[in-house]
């Protein structure tokens, strides 16, 4: 069984036991998070929501919080001898899917 969920403005295809990274959530490491925004549940039969599937949820365990790799944001203005370099690291939460209920 798999599900397509929405969290942090992005959509993810998840299965039981899958570990994946999402935008930072306000939950402690080791706790459980329930995601109610389930767009689709698949398996033997497919259940598509409008926009979300009723009474479907995905239970995940919070493994850790971290920061992604450093990205360079570089701006250059032509003919002005002007430029600006700035770094960015995105915060994330690593989740592990425990169960999918539909």
PDB file of N, CA and C in Angstrom:
ATOM      1  N   UNK A   1       0.849  -1.177   0.000  1.00  0.00           N
ATOM      2  CA  UNK A   1       0.000   0.000   0.000  1.00  0.00           C
ATOM      3  C   UNK A   1       0.888   1.231   0.000  1.00  0.00           C
ATOM      4  N   UNK A   2       0.493   2.219  -0.770  1.00  0.00           N
ATOM      5  CA  UNK A   2       1.233   3.468  -0.823  1.00  0.00           C
ATOM      6  C   UNK A   2       0.242   4.620  -0.755  1.00  0.00           C
ATOM      7  N   UNK A   3       0.780   5.804  -0.491  1.00  0.00           N
ATOM      8  CA  UNK A   3      -0.055   6.997  -0.409  1.00  0.00           C
ATOM      9  C   UNK A   3       0.718   8.178  -0.954  1.00  0.00           C
ATOM     10  N   UNK A   4      -0.018   9.156  -1.441  1.00  0.00           N
ATOM     11  CA  UNK A   4       0.572  10.427  -1.850  1.00  0.00           C
ATOM     12  C   UNK A   4       0.088  11.470  -0.854  1.00  0.00           C
ATOM     13  N   UNK A   5       1.038  12.103  -0.165  1.00  0.00           N
ATOM     14  CA  UNK A   5       0.707  13.058   0.889  1.00  0.00           C
ATOM     15  C   UNK A   5       1.217  14.435   0.501  1.00  0.00           C
ATOM     16  N   UNK A   6       0.703  15.439   1.206  1.00  0.00           N
ATOM     17  CA  UNK A   6       1.141  16.814   1.006  1.00  0.00           C
ATOM     18  C   UNK A   6       1.598  17.372   2.347  1.00  0.00           C
ATOM     19  N   UNK A   7       2.815  17.889   2.368  1.00  0.00           N
ATOM     20  CA  UNK A   7       3.338  18.544   3.559  1.00  0.00           C
ATOM     21  C   UNK A   7       4.400  19.549   3.135  1.00  0.00           C
ATOM     22  N   UNK A   8       4.371  20.705   3.745  1.00  0.00           N
ATOM     23  CA  UNK A   8       5.340  21.742   3.425  1.00  0.00           C
ATOM     24  C   UNK A   8       5.207  22.276   2.005  1.00  0.00           C
ATOM     25  N   UNK A   9       4.008  22.184   1.422  1.00  0.00           N
ATOM     26  CA  UNK A   9       3.795  22.679   0.075  1.00  0.00           C
ATOM     27  C   UNK A   9       4.287  21.750  -1.017  1.00  0.00           C
ATOM     28  N   UNK A  10       4.732  20.545  -0.652  1.00  0.00           N
ATOM     29  CA  UNK A  10       5.221  19.576  -1.631  1.00  0.00           C
ATOM     30  C   UNK A  10       4.459  18.264  -1.466  1.00  0.00           C
ATOM     31  N   UNK A  11       4.487  17.447  -2.502  1.00  0.00           N
ATOM     32  CA  UNK A  11       3.813  16.156  -2.479  1.00  0.00           C
ATOM     33  C   UNK A  11       4.847  15.044  -2.498  1.00  0.00           C
ATOM     34  N   UNK A  12       4.567  13.979  -1.736  1.00  0.00           N
ATOM     35  CA  UNK A  12       5.487  12.849  -1.621  1.00  0.00           C
ATOM     36  C   UNK A  12       4.712  11.551  -1.793  1.00  0.00           C
ATOM     37  N   UNK A  13       5.325  10.589  -2.459  1.00  0.00           N
ATOM     38  CA  UNK A  13       4.774   9.232  -2.562  1.00  0.00           C
ATOM     39  C   UNK A  13       5.478   8.413  -1.483  1.00  0.00           C
ATOM     40  N   UNK A  14       4.712   7.865  -0.538  1.00  0.00           N
ATOM     41  CA  UNK A  14       5.293   7.178   0.605  1.00  0.00           C
ATOM     42  C   UNK A  14       4.735   5.768   0.718  1.00  0.00           C
ATOM     43  N   UNK A  15       5.539   4.884   1.285  1.00  0.00           N
ATOM     44  CA  UNK A  15       5.161   3.512   1.608  1.00  0.00           C
ATOM     45  C   UNK A  15       5.607   3.242   3.036  1.00  0.00           C
ATOM     46  N   UNK A  16       5.113   2.178   3.634  1.00  0.00           N
ATOM     47  CA  UNK A  16       5.501   1.836   5.003  1.00  0.00           C
ATOM     48  C   UNK A  16       6.983   1.490   5.031  1.00  0.00           C
ATOM     49  N   UNK A  17       7.687   2.063   6.021  1.00  0.00           N
ATOM     50  CA  UNK A  17       9.115   1.827   6.178  1.00  0.00           C
ATOM     51  C   UNK A  17      10.000   2.809   5.429  1.00  0.00           C
ATOM     52  N   UNK A  18       9.416   3.686   4.615  1.00  0.00           N
ATOM     53  CA  UNK A  18      10.196   4.640   3.829  1.00  0.00           C
ATOM     54  C   UNK A  18      10.678   5.790   4.705  1.00  0.00           C
ATOM     55  N   UNK A  19      11.947   6.188   4.522  1.00  0.00           N
ATOM     56  CA  UNK A  19      12.497   7.361   5.196  1.00  0.00           C
ATOM     57  C   UNK A  19      12.624   8.473   4.164  1.00  0.00           C
ATOM     58  N   UNK A  20      12.140   9.674   4.504  1.00  0.00           N
ATOM     59  CA  UNK A  20      12.202  10.793   3.575  1.00  0.00           C
ATOM     60  C   UNK A  20      12.322  12.098   4.340  1.00  0.00           C
ATOM     61  N   UNK A  21      12.761  13.144   3.628  1.00  0.00           N
ATOM     62  CA  UNK A  21      12.989  14.451   4.229  1.00  0.00           C
ATOM     63  C   UNK A  21      11.907  15.418   3.777  1.00  0.00           C
ATOM     64  N   UNK A  22      11.376  16.193   4.737  1.00  0.00           N
ATOM     65  CA  UNK A  22      10.362  17.207   4.451  1.00  0.00           C
ATOM     66  C   UNK A  22      10.838  18.533   5.026  1.00  0.00           C
ATOM     67  N   UNK A  23      10.127  19.609   4.713  1.00  0.00           N
ATOM     68  CA  UNK A  23      10.430  20.908   5.304  1.00  0.00           C
ATOM     69  C   UNK A  23      10.279  20.792   6.820  1.00  0.00           C
ATOM     70  N   UNK A  24      11.024  21.586   7.546  1.00  0.00           N
ATOM     71  CA  UNK A  24      11.097  21.454   9.004  1.00  0.00           C
ATOM     72  C   UNK A  24       9.727  21.503   9.666  1.00  0.00           C
ATOM     73  N   UNK A  25       9.480  20.517  10.529  1.00  0.00           N
ATOM     74  CA  UNK A  25       8.247  20.433  11.313  1.00  0.00           C
ATOM     75  C   UNK A  25       8.568  20.742  12.764  1.00  0.00           C
ATOM     76  N   UNK A  26       7.587  21.252  13.493  1.00  0.00           N
ATOM     77  CA  UNK A  26       7.797  21.572  14.913  1.00  0.00           C
ATOM     78  C   UNK A  26       7.399  20.367  15.757  1.00  0.00           C
ATOM     79  N   UNK A  27       8.220  19.332  15.707  1.00  0.00           N
ATOM     80  CA  UNK A  27       8.010  18.120  16.505  1.00  0.00           C
ATOM     81  C   UNK A  27       9.368  17.633  16.989  1.00  0.00           C
ATOM     82  N   UNK A  28       9.398  17.058  18.186  1.00  0.00           N
ATOM     83  CA  UNK A  28      10.650  16.578  18.750  1.00  0.00           C
ATOM     84  C   UNK A  28      11.069  15.274  18.092  1.00  0.00           C
ATOM     85  N   UNK A  29      12.385  15.038  18.047  1.00  0.00           N
ATOM     86  CA  UNK A  29      12.901  13.783  17.508  1.00  0.00           C
ATOM     87  C   UNK A  29      12.437  12.628  18.389  1.00  0.00           C
ATOM     88  N   UNK A  30      11.997  11.554  17.766  1.00  0.00           N
ATOM     89  CA  UNK A  30      11.484  10.396  18.498  1.00  0.00           C
ATOM     90  C   UNK A  30       9.979  10.404  18.667  1.00  0.00           C
ATOM     91  N   UNK A  31       9.323  11.523  18.382  1.00  0.00           N
ATOM     92  CA  UNK A  31       7.873  11.593  18.527  1.00  0.00           C
ATOM     93  C   UNK A  31       7.189  11.147  17.234  1.00  0.00           C
ATOM     94  N   UNK A  32       5.866  11.039  17.294  1.00  0.00           N
ATOM     95  CA  UNK A  32       5.088  10.647  16.127  1.00  0.00           C
ATOM     96  C   UNK A  32       4.334  11.842  15.567  1.00  0.00           C
ATOM     97  N   UNK A  33       4.215  11.866  14.242  1.00  0.00           N
ATOM     98  CA  UNK A  33       3.500  12.924  13.536  1.00  0.00           C
ATOM     99  C   UNK A  33       2.449  12.253  12.664  1.00  0.00           C
ATOM    100  N   UNK A  34       1.220  12.785  12.699  1.00  0.00           N
ATOM    101  CA  UNK A  34       0.149  12.272  11.855  1.00  0.00           C
ATOM    102  C   UNK A  34      -0.128  13.283  10.758  1.00  0.00           C
ATOM    103  N   UNK A  35      -0.075  12.827   9.516  1.00  0.00           N
ATOM    104  CA  UNK A  35      -0.325  13.684   8.362  1.00  0.00           C
ATOM    105  C   UNK A  35      -1.694  13.336   7.807  1.00  0.00           C
ATOM    106  N   UNK A  36      -2.598  14.325   7.817  1.00  0.00           N
ATOM    107  CA  UNK A  36      -3.970  14.113   7.379  1.00  0.00           C
ATOM    108  C   UNK A  36      -4.203  14.506   5.926  1.00  0.00           C
ATOM    109  N   UNK A  37      -3.280  15.219   5.338  1.00  0.00           N
ATOM    110  CA  UNK A  37      -3.447  15.672   3.949  1.00  0.00           C
ATOM    111  C   UNK A  37      -2.994  14.561   3.000  1.00  0.00           C
ATOM    112  N   UNK A  38      -3.858  13.562   2.838  1.00  0.00           N
ATOM    113  CA  UNK A  38      -3.587  12.424   1.964  1.00  0.00           C
ATOM    114  C   UNK A  38      -4.354  12.642   0.663  1.00  0.00           C
ATOM    115  N   UNK A  39      -3.634  12.769  -0.443  1.00  0.00           N
ATOM    116  CA  UNK A  39      -4.249  13.040  -1.739  1.00  0.00           C
ATOM    117  C   UNK A  39      -4.725  11.774  -2.432  1.00  0.00           C
ATOM    118  N   UNK A  40      -4.024  10.651  -2.194  1.00  0.00           N
ATOM    119  CA  UNK A  40      -4.367   9.408  -2.866  1.00  0.00           C
ATOM    120  C   UNK A  40      -3.843   8.232  -2.064  1.00  0.00           C
ATOM    121  N   UNK A  41      -4.608   7.152  -2.036  1.00  0.00           N
ATOM    122  CA  UNK A  41      -4.180   5.908  -1.420  1.00  0.00           C
ATOM    123  C   UNK A  41      -4.257   4.839  -2.491  1.00  0.00           C
ATOM    124  N   UNK A  42      -3.159   4.114  -2.707  1.00  0.00           N
ATOM    125  CA  UNK A  42      -3.118   3.093  -3.741  1.00  0.00           C
ATOM    126  C   UNK A  42      -2.756   1.746  -3.168  1.00  0.00           C
ATOM    127  N   UNK A  43      -2.892   0.749  -3.991  1.00  0.00           N
ATOM    128  CA  UNK A  43      -2.622  -0.628  -3.599  1.00  0.00           C
ATOM    129  C   UNK A  43      -3.480  -1.523  -4.462  1.00  0.00           C
ATOM    130  N   UNK A  44      -4.271  -2.391  -3.822  1.00  0.00           N
ATOM    131  CA  UNK A  44      -5.188  -3.241  -4.581  1.00  0.00           C
ATOM    132  C   UNK A  44      -6.257  -2.397  -5.273  1.00  0.00           C
ATOM    133  N   UNK A  45      -6.783  -1.421  -4.565  1.00  0.00           N
ATOM    134  CA  UNK A  45      -7.724  -0.480  -5.170  1.00  0.00           C
ATOM    135  C   UNK A  45      -7.213   0.936  -4.927  1.00  0.00           C
ATOM    136  N   UNK A  46      -7.499   1.802  -5.860  1.00  0.00           N
ATOM    137  CA  UNK A  46      -7.011   3.179  -5.784  1.00  0.00           C
ATOM    138  C   UNK A  46      -8.137   4.074  -5.288  1.00  0.00           C
ATOM    139  N   UNK A  47      -7.809   4.944  -4.319  1.00  0.00           N
ATOM    140  CA  UNK A  47      -8.776   5.881  -3.761  1.00  0.00           C
ATOM    141  C   UNK A  47      -8.208   7.286  -3.928  1.00  0.00           C
ATOM    142  N   UNK A  48      -8.823   8.085  -4.776  1.00  0.00           N
ATOM    143  CA  UNK A  48      -8.350   9.435  -5.055  1.00  0.00           C
ATOM    144  C   UNK A  48      -9.258  10.424  -4.352  1.00  0.00           C
ATOM    145  N   UNK A  49      -8.675  11.391  -3.638  1.00  0.00           N
ATOM    146  CA  UNK A  49      -9.437  12.377  -2.882  1.00  0.00           C
ATOM    147  C   UNK A  49      -9.813  13.588  -3.713  1.00  0.00           C
ATOM    148  N   UNK A  50     -10.759  14.355  -3.164  1.00  0.00           N
ATOM    149  CA  UNK A  50     -11.195  15.589  -3.837  1.00  0.00           C
ATOM    150  C   UNK A  50     -11.223  16.737  -2.848  1.00  0.00           C
ATOM    151  N   UNK A  51     -10.199  17.387  -2.454  1.00  0.00           N
ATOM    152  CA  UNK A  51      -8.815  17.137  -2.807  1.00  0.00           C
ATOM    153  C   UNK A  51      -8.145  16.108  -1.907  1.00  0.00           C
ATOM    154  N   UNK A  52      -8.690  15.843  -0.713  1.00  0.00           N
ATOM    155  CA  UNK A  52      -8.077  14.899   0.208  1.00  0.00           C
ATOM    156  C   UNK A  52      -8.998  13.701   0.425  1.00  0.00           C
ATOM    157  N   UNK A  53      -8.397  12.556   0.748  1.00  0.00           N
ATOM    158  CA  UNK A  53      -9.150  11.342   1.026  1.00  0.00           C
ATOM    159  C   UNK A  53      -9.702  11.440   2.444  1.00  0.00           C
ATOM    160  N   UNK A  54     -11.016  11.195   2.603  1.00  0.00           N
ATOM    161  CA  UNK A  54     -11.644  11.260   3.919  1.00  0.00           C
ATOM    162  C   UNK A  54     -11.148  10.129   4.808  1.00  0.00           C
ATOM    163  N   UNK A  55     -10.880  10.440   6.074  1.00  0.00           N
ATOM    164  CA  UNK A  55     -10.487   9.480   7.107  1.00  0.00           C
ATOM    165  C   UNK A  55      -9.231   8.703   6.754  1.00  0.00           C
ATOM    166  N   UNK A  56      -8.364   9.268   5.957  1.00  0.00           N
ATOM    167  CA  UNK A  56      -7.077   8.654   5.644  1.00  0.00           C
ATOM    168  C   UNK A  56      -5.980   9.458   6.326  1.00  0.00           C
ATOM    169  N   UNK A  57      -5.001   8.750   6.850  1.00  0.00           N
ATOM    170  CA  UNK A  57      -3.886   9.426   7.499  1.00  0.00           C
ATOM    171  C   UNK A  57      -2.639   8.566   7.421  1.00  0.00           C
ATOM    172  N   UNK A  58      -1.499   9.230   7.509  1.00  0.00           N
ATOM    173  CA  UNK A  58      -0.204   8.573   7.494  1.00  0.00           C
ATOM    174  C   UNK A  58       0.487   8.918   8.800  1.00  0.00           C
ATOM    175  N   UNK A  59       0.909   7.900   9.533  1.00  0.00           N
ATOM    176  CA  UNK A  59       1.603   8.095  10.805  1.00  0.00           C
ATOM    177  C   UNK A  59       3.096   7.915  10.574  1.00  0.00           C
ATOM    178  N   UNK A  60       3.875   8.922  10.974  1.00  0.00           N
ATOM    179  CA  UNK A  60       5.324   8.916  10.762  1.00  0.00           C
ATOM    180  C   UNK A  60       6.043   9.127  12.093  1.00  0.00           C
ATOM    181  N   UNK A  61       7.249   8.616  12.166  1.00  0.00           N
ATOM    182  CA  UNK A  61       8.110   8.840  13.326  1.00  0.00           C
ATOM    183  C   UNK A  61       9.174   9.854  12.923  1.00  0.00           C
ATOM    184  N   UNK A  62       9.403  10.834  13.794  1.00  0.00           N
ATOM    185  CA  UNK A  62      10.423  11.851  13.524  1.00  0.00           C
ATOM    186  C   UNK A  62      11.783  11.264  13.908  1.00  0.00           C
ATOM    187  N   UNK A  63      12.667  11.132  12.918  1.00  0.00           N
ATOM    188  CA  UNK A  63      13.988  10.566  13.184  1.00  0.00           C
ATOM    189  C   UNK A  63      14.978  11.632  13.620  1.00  0.00           C
ATOM    190  N   UNK A  64      15.047  12.738  12.880  1.00  0.00           N
ATOM    191  CA  UNK A  64      16.016  13.781  13.215  1.00  0.00           C
ATOM    192  C   UNK A  64      15.656  15.082  12.510  1.00  0.00           C
ATOM    193  N   UNK A  65      16.283  16.145  12.977  1.00  0.00           N
ATOM    194  CA  UNK A  65      16.213  17.444  12.322  1.00  0.00           C
ATOM    195  C   UNK A  65      17.616  17.755  11.816  1.00  0.00           C
ATOM    196  N   UNK A  66      17.695  18.457  10.702  1.00  0.00           N
ATOM    197  CA  UNK A  66      19.016  18.774  10.167  1.00  0.00           C
ATOM    198  C   UNK A  66      18.950  19.931   9.197  1.00  0.00           C
ATOM    199  N   UNK A  67      20.096  20.154   8.553  1.00  0.00           N
ATOM    200  CA  UNK A  67      20.190  21.214   7.558  1.00  0.00           C
ATOM    201  C   UNK A  67      20.794  20.623   6.297  1.00  0.00           C
ATOM    202  N   UNK A  68      20.277  21.046   5.169  1.00  0.00           N
ATOM    203  CA  UNK A  68      20.738  20.550   3.886  1.00  0.00           C
ATOM    204  C   UNK A  68      22.084  21.121   3.499  1.00  0.00           C
ATOM    205  N   UNK A  69      22.559  20.774   2.306  1.00  0.00           N
ATOM    206  CA  UNK A  69      23.852  21.296   1.865  1.00  0.00           C
ATOM    207  C   UNK A  69      23.789  22.788   1.582  1.00  0.00           C
ATOM    208  N   UNK A  70      24.945  23.423   1.637  1.00  0.00           N
ATOM    209  CA  UNK A  70      25.003  24.856   1.410  1.00  0.00           C
ATOM    210  C   UNK A  70      24.866  25.152  -0.082  1.00  0.00           C
ATOM    211  N   UNK A  71      23.962  26.077  -0.404  1.00  0.00           N
ATOM    212  CA  UNK A  71      23.757  26.520  -1.771  1.00  0.00           C
ATOM    213  C   UNK A  71      24.253  27.946  -1.898  1.00  0.00           C
ATOM    214  N   UNK A  72      24.860  28.257  -3.023  1.00  0.00           N
ATOM    215  CA  UNK A  72      25.370  29.595  -3.262  1.00  0.00           C
ATOM    216  C   UNK A  72      24.354  30.382  -4.073  1.00  0.00           C
ATOM    217  N   UNK A  73      23.947  31.522  -3.551  1.00  0.00           N
ATOM    218  CA  UNK A  73      23.047  32.430  -4.257  1.00  0.00           C
ATOM    219  C   UNK A  73      23.904  33.609  -4.698  1.00  0.00           C
ATOM    220  N   UNK A  74      24.050  33.789  -6.022  1.00  0.00           N
ATOM    221  CA  UNK A  74      24.957  34.789  -6.559  1.00  0.00           C
ATOM    222  C   UNK A  74      24.183  35.751  -7.445  1.00  0.00           C
ATOM    223  N   UNK A  75      24.279  37.041  -7.149  1.00  0.00           N
ATOM    224  CA  UNK A  75      23.644  38.088  -7.947  1.00  0.00           C
ATOM    225  C   UNK A  75      24.740  38.954  -8.566  1.00  0.00           C
ATOM    226  N   UNK A  76      24.585  39.246  -9.837  1.00  0.00           N
ATOM    227  CA  UNK A  76      25.538  40.127 -10.512  1.00  0.00           C
ATOM    228  C   UNK A  76      24.752  41.105 -11.373  1.00  0.00           C
ATOM    229  N   UNK A  77      25.083  42.364 -11.234  1.00  0.00           N
ATOM    230  CA  UNK A  77      24.454  43.394 -12.042  1.00  0.00           C
ATOM    231  C   UNK A  77      25.437  43.798 -13.127  1.00  0.00           C
ATOM    232  N   UNK A  78      25.054  43.683 -14.368  1.00  0.00           N
ATOM    233  CA  UNK A  78      25.974  43.955 -15.476  1.00  0.00           C
ATOM    234  C   UNK A  78      26.254  45.457 -15.597  1.00  0.00           C
ATOM    235  N   UNK A  79      27.435  45.734 -16.034  1.00  0.00           N
ATOM    236  CA  UNK A  79      27.917  47.089 -16.288  1.00  0.00           C
ATOM    237  C   UNK A  79      27.997  47.952 -15.026  1.00  0.00           C
ATOM    238  N   UNK A  80      27.834  47.394 -13.871  1.00  0.00           N
ATOM    239  CA  UNK A  80      27.900  48.192 -12.642  1.00  0.00           C
ATOM    240  C   UNK A  80      29.047  47.783 -11.732  1.00  0.00           C
ATOM    241  N   UNK A  81      29.768  46.741 -12.094  1.00  0.00           N
ATOM    242  CA  UNK A  81      30.831  46.210 -11.247  1.00  0.00           C
ATOM    243  C   UNK A  81      30.291  45.910  -9.853  1.00  0.00           C
ATOM    244  N   UNK A  82      29.069  45.368  -9.818  1.00  0.00           N
ATOM    245  CA  UNK A  82      28.433  45.055  -8.541  1.00  0.00           C
ATOM    246  C   UNK A  82      28.036  43.587  -8.525  1.00  0.00           C
ATOM    247  N   UNK A  83      28.256  42.971  -7.404  1.00  0.00           N
ATOM    248  CA  UNK A  83      27.857  41.574  -7.240  1.00  0.00           C
ATOM    249  C   UNK A  83      27.665  41.276  -5.767  1.00  0.00           C
ATOM    250  N   UNK A  84      26.883  40.231  -5.507  1.00  0.00           N
ATOM    251  CA  UNK A  84      26.598  39.841  -4.123  1.00  0.00           C
ATOM    252  C   UNK A  84      26.517  38.325  -4.071  1.00  0.00           C
ATOM    253  N   UNK A  85      27.209  37.716  -3.144  1.00  0.00           N
ATOM    254  CA  UNK A  85      27.164  36.273  -2.941  1.00  0.00           C
ATOM    255  C   UNK A  85      26.572  36.012  -1.560  1.00  0.00           C
ATOM    256  N   UNK A  86      25.690  35.053  -1.512  1.00  0.00           N
ATOM    257  CA  UNK A  86      25.031  34.742  -0.256  1.00  0.00           C
ATOM    258  C   UNK A  86      24.814  33.232  -0.192  1.00  0.00           C
ATOM    259  N   UNK A  87      24.989  32.636   0.974  1.00  0.00           N
ATOM    260  CA  UNK A  87      24.780  31.201   1.147  1.00  0.00           C
ATOM    261  C   UNK A  87      23.423  30.925   1.764  1.00  0.00           C
ATOM    262  N   UNK A  88      22.932  29.693   1.541  1.00  0.00           N
ATOM    263  CA  UNK A  88      21.642  29.289   2.105  1.00  0.00           C
ATOM    264  C   UNK A  88      21.682  27.805   2.432  1.00  0.00           C
ATOM    265  N   UNK A  89      21.167  27.445   3.614  1.00  0.00           N
ATOM    266  CA  UNK A  89      21.005  26.041   3.993  1.00  0.00           C
ATOM    267  C   UNK A  89      19.580  25.856   4.458  1.00  0.00           C
ATOM    268  N   UNK A  90      18.866  24.900   3.865  1.00  0.00           N
ATOM    269  CA  UNK A  90      17.460  24.657   4.167  1.00  0.00           C
ATOM    270  C   UNK A  90      17.337  23.687   5.331  1.00  0.00           C
ATOM    271  N   UNK A  91      16.501  24.019   6.313  1.00  0.00           N
ATOM    272  CA  UNK A  91      16.225  23.121   7.427  1.00  0.00           C
ATOM    273  C   UNK A  91      15.279  22.019   6.963  1.00  0.00           C
ATOM    274  N   UNK A  92      15.475  20.806   7.501  1.00  0.00           N
ATOM    275  CA  UNK A  92      14.593  19.699   7.144  1.00  0.00           C
ATOM    276  C   UNK A  92      14.326  18.814   8.351  1.00  0.00           C
ATOM    277  N   UNK A  93      13.297  17.986   8.235  1.00  0.00           N
ATOM    278  CA  UNK A  93      12.966  16.968   9.221  1.00  0.00           C
ATOM    279  C   UNK A  93      12.939  15.635   8.499  1.00  0.00           C
ATOM    280  N   UNK A  94      13.623  14.641   9.044  1.00  0.00           N
ATOM    281  CA  UNK A  94      13.646  13.314   8.445  1.00  0.00           C
ATOM    282  C   UNK A  94      12.586  12.451   9.120  1.00  0.00           C
ATOM    283  N   UNK A  95      11.681  11.877   8.310  1.00  0.00           N
ATOM    284  CA  UNK A  95      10.571  11.084   8.812  1.00  0.00           C
ATOM    285  C   UNK A  95      10.682   9.645   8.336  1.00  0.00           C
ATOM    286  N   UNK A  96      10.105   8.730   9.110  1.00  0.00           N
ATOM    287  CA  UNK A  96       9.983   7.324   8.720  1.00  0.00           C
ATOM    288  C   UNK A  96       8.519   6.937   8.839  1.00  0.00           C
ATOM    289  N   UNK A  97       7.953   6.393   7.762  1.00  0.00           N
ATOM    290  CA  UNK A  97       6.531   6.051   7.721  1.00  0.00           C
ATOM    291  C   UNK A  97       6.313   4.783   8.533  1.00  0.00           C
ATOM    292  N   UNK A  98       5.398   4.850   9.502  1.00  0.00           N
ATOM    293  CA  UNK A  98       5.065   3.685  10.326  1.00  0.00           C
ATOM    294  C   UNK A  98       3.815   2.977   9.827  1.00  0.00           C
ATOM    295  N   UNK A  99       2.764   3.753   9.471  1.00  0.00           N
ATOM    296  CA  UNK A  99       1.538   3.104   9.012  1.00  0.00           C
ATOM    297  C   UNK A  99       0.746   4.046   8.121  1.00  0.00           C
ATOM    298  N   UNK A 100      -0.027   3.430   7.227  1.00  0.00           N
ATOM    299  CA  UNK A 100      -0.943   4.152   6.354  1.00  0.00           C
ATOM    300  C   UNK A 100      -2.334   3.577   6.589  1.00  0.00           C
ATOM    301  N   UNK A 101      -3.273   4.437   6.987  1.00  0.00           N
ATOM    302  CA  UNK A 101      -4.646   3.988   7.202  1.00  0.00           C
ATOM    303  C   UNK A 101      -5.559   4.739   6.257  1.00  0.00           C
ATOM    304  N   UNK A 102      -6.515   4.001   5.682  1.00  0.00           N
ATOM    305  CA  UNK A 102      -7.428   4.611   4.720  1.00  0.00           C
ATOM    306  C   UNK A 102      -8.868   4.416   5.176  1.00  0.00           C
TER     307      UNK A 102
END
